[in-house]
Amino acid sequence: MTNNIDFSSILHEAQPSDFPYPYNFIAEIAGVESALVLAREISGMYYYFPVYRNATKRLRRRLILKEFDSGSSMKDIARKCDLSETEVRKEIRKMKRAASEKDNIRGG
């Protein structure tokens, strides 16, 4: 059995209630098409979704660095990233240390 049924002709009529849990929940949040993609690609598998704060850690670090490089204050960065100023400083230190180590490895 394949998962290649083409629902495109009726997709505009589909509702979250057309799906069982957890796909109905996904359809409500991310749309029916996303629910279908997940059902096709990962059905039958168990997945753990980390809490939002952990799931967005790399993006948050990138945002911190961008804001820091553009001259934003620690207070503004902390507010924008939902962190304390101390946490922002720690993240910046970690990123600077990692960049420095990378330069040392490259011979820079």
Protein backbone atom coordinates (compact mmCIF):
# COMPACT_ATOMS: atom_id res chain seq x y z
CA MET A 1 0.00 0.00 0.00
CA THR A 2 1.35 3.43 -0.91
CA ASN A 3 0.70 6.86 0.49
CA ASN A 4 0.39 8.54 -2.89
CA ILE A 5 -3.32 9.32 -3.15
CA ASP A 6 -3.85 12.70 -4.83
CA PHE A 7 -6.32 14.69 -2.73
CA SER A 8 -5.71 17.99 -4.55
CA SER A 9 -9.20 18.08 -6.14
CA ILE A 10 -10.90 18.05 -2.72
CA LEU A 11 -8.22 19.66 -0.54
CA HIS A 12 -10.08 22.99 -0.46
CA GLU A 13 -13.04 21.19 1.21
CA ALA A 14 -11.00 19.36 3.85
CA GLN A 15 -11.47 20.30 7.50
CA PRO A 16 -9.46 19.42 10.61
CA SER A 17 -12.41 17.29 11.72
CA ASP A 18 -11.79 15.03 8.70
CA PHE A 19 -8.67 13.71 10.46
CA PRO A 20 -8.15 11.57 13.55
CA TYR A 21 -6.00 12.75 16.44
CA PRO A 22 -3.22 14.01 16.28
CA TYR A 23 -3.65 15.05 12.65
CA ASN A 24 -6.81 17.04 13.39
CA PHE A 25 -4.80 19.05 15.92
CA ILE A 26 -2.01 19.61 13.39
CA ALA A 27 -4.54 20.62 10.73
CA GLU A 28 -6.04 23.21 13.10
CA ILE A 29 -2.65 24.71 13.87
CA ALA A 30 -0.66 24.33 10.65
CA GLY A 31 -3.30 23.63 8.03
CA VAL A 32 -4.81 20.61 6.34
CA GLU A 33 -2.00 20.33 3.79
CA SER A 34 0.63 20.16 6.56
CA ALA A 35 -1.38 17.45 8.31
CA LEU A 36 -1.49 15.43 5.09
CA VAL A 37 2.25 15.81 4.53
CA LEU A 38 2.99 14.63 8.07
CA ALA A 39 0.52 11.75 7.76
CA ARG A 40 2.20 10.66 4.54
CA GLU A 41 5.81 11.12 5.64
CA ILE A 42 5.91 10.12 9.32
CA SER A 43 2.77 8.15 10.06
CA GLY A 44 3.34 5.23 12.39
CA MET A 45 6.44 6.79 13.94
CA TYR A 46 6.83 8.17 17.43
CA TYR A 47 8.12 11.73 17.64
CA TYR A 48 8.89 13.90 20.61
CA PHE A 49 8.55 17.62 20.05
CA PRO A 50 10.72 19.60 22.47
CA VAL A 51 9.28 22.62 24.23
CA TYR A 52 9.25 25.78 22.13
CA ARG A 53 12.14 27.38 23.99
CA ASN A 54 14.40 24.41 23.21
CA ALA A 55 13.10 23.95 19.68
CA THR A 56 13.97 27.55 18.80
CA LYS A 57 17.34 27.74 20.59
CA ARG A 58 19.47 28.01 17.42
CA LEU A 59 17.18 30.60 15.88
CA ARG A 60 17.22 32.58 19.12
CA ARG A 61 21.04 32.51 19.17
CA ARG A 62 21.12 33.75 15.59
CA LEU A 63 18.71 36.56 16.50
CA ILE A 64 20.81 37.50 19.55
CA LEU A 65 23.94 37.71 17.40
CA LYS A 66 22.20 39.76 14.71
CA GLU A 67 20.79 42.19 17.26
CA PHE A 68 24.13 42.42 19.09
CA ASP A 69 26.04 43.07 15.85
CA SER A 70 23.55 45.78 14.89
CA GLY A 71 24.17 47.60 18.19
CA SER A 72 21.03 46.72 20.13
CA SER A 73 21.30 47.03 23.91
CA MET A 74 21.37 43.94 26.13
CA LYS A 75 18.05 45.06 27.58
CA ASP A 76 16.42 45.27 24.14
CA ILE A 77 17.86 41.92 23.06
CA ALA A 78 16.67 40.30 26.29
CA ARG A 79 13.16 41.66 25.81
CA LYS A 80 13.01 40.62 22.16
CA CYS A 81 14.29 37.09 22.91
CA ASP A 82 12.33 36.56 26.15
CA LEU A 83 15.53 36.10 28.17
CA SER A 84 17.21 37.87 31.05
CA GLU A 85 20.10 40.20 30.31
CA THR A 86 22.38 37.71 32.08
CA GLU A 87 21.23 34.92 29.75
CA VAL A 88 21.88 37.15 26.73
CA ARG A 89 25.41 37.92 27.93
CA LYS A 90 26.08 34.21 28.48
CA GLU A 91 24.86 33.36 24.98
CA ILE A 92 27.04 36.08 23.44
CA ARG A 93 30.07 34.84 25.39
CA LYS A 94 29.42 31.26 24.21
CA MET A 95 29.11 32.37 20.59
CA LYS A 96 32.27 34.49 20.78
CA ARG A 97 34.16 31.58 22.36
CA ALA A 98 32.92 29.18 19.68
CA ALA A 99 33.90 31.61 16.91
CA SER A 100 37.34 32.07 18.47
CA GLU A 101 37.88 28.31 18.69
CA LYS A 102 36.81 27.94 15.07
CA ASP A 103 39.35 30.59 14.04
CA ASN A 104 42.07 28.79 16.01
CA ILE A 105 41.27 25.52 14.27
CA ARG A 106 41.46 27.20 10.87
CA GLY A 107 44.77 28.76 11.80
CA GLY A 108 43.33 32.29 11.99
